[in-house]
Each structure stands twice: as C-alpha cells, then as structure tokens.
Amino acid sequence: MSIFVSSAEPNRAPATHELRNRAAARLRSLLQDLGDTHRAAAELDNLRTLIESLLQAGGESGLAMNHLRCARRFLGSDEVGAARYELRLLLGSLQWS
C-alpha cells in the first residue's frame, strides 16, 4: 500500500488537518486488520511517512512517532494486542490534536 497525497492546487501543500484526517483514516483501517503482521508492518512504514509529514507541518508532537515506533516493535514481536493499544493511543492523539 502506498501513500498518495493529492491536492486540488498543484503547489499547495495539504493542510495539517487534511494530513491528520488521512492518517486517522489509515489507522482505523489498520486497526481492523492487524492479523496479517507483514501487511500491517508495511502499512506502519507508510504511516510513518504520513506522520513525519505532520511533524514537518508543525501539527503533531514527537509523541505520535513514539507510539508508531512502539507499535512497530510490538508487531515485530507478535504482540498484536500491545501494538493495537499503541495504535489506539496514536489515533487518539491525531483526533484531539
């Protein structure tokens, strides 16, 4: 799965709230399907790119990246429940930022 960030205006960067909404939608989708750990790990890598975009836009804190790193590590250790918990924390931070 890849990330495609489009814009109605070619030279306009997506607003922080647009990036946050895209990341939240992808997280919700991922939370529904953590059973395939290889696919989930690839999606986490894609989400990392999106979260880094949020950090560059100044809309998120490093805490979001920490939740993502922890989820990736837990998923790599087949600790799906712990990964899900970290992803829910990340989703909450995106929705309330």
Protein backbone atom coordinates (compact mmCIF):
# COMPACT_ATOMS: atom_id res chain seq x y z
CA MET A 1 0.00 0.00 0.00
CA SER A 2 1.36 3.43 -0.79
CA ILE A 3 0.59 6.93 0.33
CA PHE A 4 -0.67 9.37 -2.25
CA VAL A 5 -1.19 12.90 -1.10
CA SER A 6 -3.05 14.88 -3.72
CA SER A 7 -4.14 18.45 -3.72
CA ALA A 8 -6.59 20.49 -5.74
CA GLU A 9 -3.85 23.09 -6.20
CA PRO A 10 -0.58 21.65 -7.51
CA ASN A 11 1.70 23.94 -5.47
CA ARG A 12 -0.33 23.90 -2.28
CA ALA A 13 0.82 21.57 0.47
CA PRO A 14 -2.01 19.72 2.24
CA ALA A 15 -3.15 21.43 5.42
CA THR A 16 -2.25 19.85 8.72
CA HIS A 17 -5.86 18.85 9.39
CA GLU A 18 -6.02 17.10 6.00
CA LEU A 19 -2.90 15.08 6.78
CA ARG A 20 -4.24 14.29 10.26
CA ASN A 21 -7.54 13.08 8.80
CA ARG A 22 -5.75 10.87 6.27
CA ALA A 23 -3.53 9.38 8.94
CA ALA A 24 -6.52 8.74 11.22
CA ALA A 25 -8.45 7.02 8.42
CA ARG A 26 -5.48 4.78 7.62
CA LEU A 27 -5.03 3.95 11.30
CA ARG A 28 -8.69 2.96 11.66
CA SER A 29 -8.33 0.68 8.66
CA LEU A 30 -5.15 -0.85 10.02
CA LEU A 31 -6.71 -1.46 13.44
CA GLN A 32 -9.38 -3.57 11.73
CA ASP A 33 -6.77 -5.84 10.14
CA LEU A 34 -3.73 -6.42 12.35
CA GLY A 35 -3.88 -10.18 11.83
CA ASP A 36 -1.56 -10.12 8.80
CA THR A 37 1.55 -8.85 10.55
CA HIS A 38 3.61 -8.49 7.36
CA ARG A 39 0.99 -6.32 5.68
CA ALA A 40 0.46 -4.38 8.89
CA ALA A 41 4.20 -3.75 9.21
CA ALA A 42 4.29 -2.38 5.66
CA GLU A 43 1.32 -0.13 6.42
CA LEU A 44 3.07 1.13 9.57
CA ASP A 45 6.02 2.13 7.40
CA ASN A 46 3.63 4.06 5.14
CA LEU A 47 2.02 5.70 8.16
CA ARG A 48 5.45 6.74 9.39
CA THR A 49 5.86 8.83 6.24
CA LEU A 50 2.49 10.47 6.79
CA ILE A 51 3.19 11.14 10.49
CA GLU A 52 6.57 12.63 9.59
CA SER A 53 4.73 14.97 7.21
CA LEU A 54 2.57 16.07 10.13
CA LEU A 55 5.66 16.73 12.23
CA GLN A 56 7.14 18.85 9.45
CA ALA A 57 3.90 20.80 9.21
CA GLY A 58 4.21 21.51 12.93
CA GLY A 59 0.90 19.92 13.74
CA GLU A 60 1.98 16.95 15.80
CA SER A 61 4.44 16.16 18.55
CA GLY A 62 7.15 13.54 18.70
CA LEU A 63 4.78 11.53 20.89
CA ALA A 64 2.93 10.38 17.76
CA MET A 65 6.16 8.97 16.31
CA ASN A 66 6.88 7.24 19.60
CA HIS A 67 3.50 5.46 19.53
CA LEU A 68 4.18 4.40 15.96
CA ARG A 69 7.67 3.08 16.79
CA CYS A 70 6.32 1.14 19.77
CA ALA A 71 3.51 -0.35 17.68
CA ARG A 72 6.03 -1.43 15.03
CA ARG A 73 8.26 -3.05 17.65
CA PHE A 74 5.33 -4.86 19.29
CA LEU A 75 4.08 -6.07 15.94
CA GLY A 76 7.55 -7.40 15.13
CA SER A 77 7.41 -9.38 18.38
CA ASP A 78 3.95 -10.76 17.55
CA GLU A 79 2.44 -8.78 20.41
CA VAL A 80 -0.62 -7.71 18.44
CA GLY A 81 -2.60 -6.57 21.48
CA ALA A 82 0.18 -4.22 22.60
CA ALA A 83 0.57 -2.93 19.02
CA ARG A 84 -3.17 -2.29 18.87
CA TYR A 85 -3.00 -0.37 22.15
CA GLU A 86 -0.21 1.89 20.83
CA LEU A 87 -2.10 2.48 17.59
CA ARG A 88 -5.22 3.45 19.54
CA LEU A 89 -3.16 5.95 21.54
CA LEU A 90 -1.79 7.31 18.28
CA LEU A 91 -5.28 7.58 16.80
CA GLY A 92 -6.47 9.43 19.89
CA SER A 93 -3.62 11.90 19.64
CA LEU A 94 -4.44 12.55 15.98
CA GLN A 95 -8.12 13.10 16.66
CA TRP A 96 -7.61 15.51 19.56
CA SER A 97 -4.62 17.50 18.31
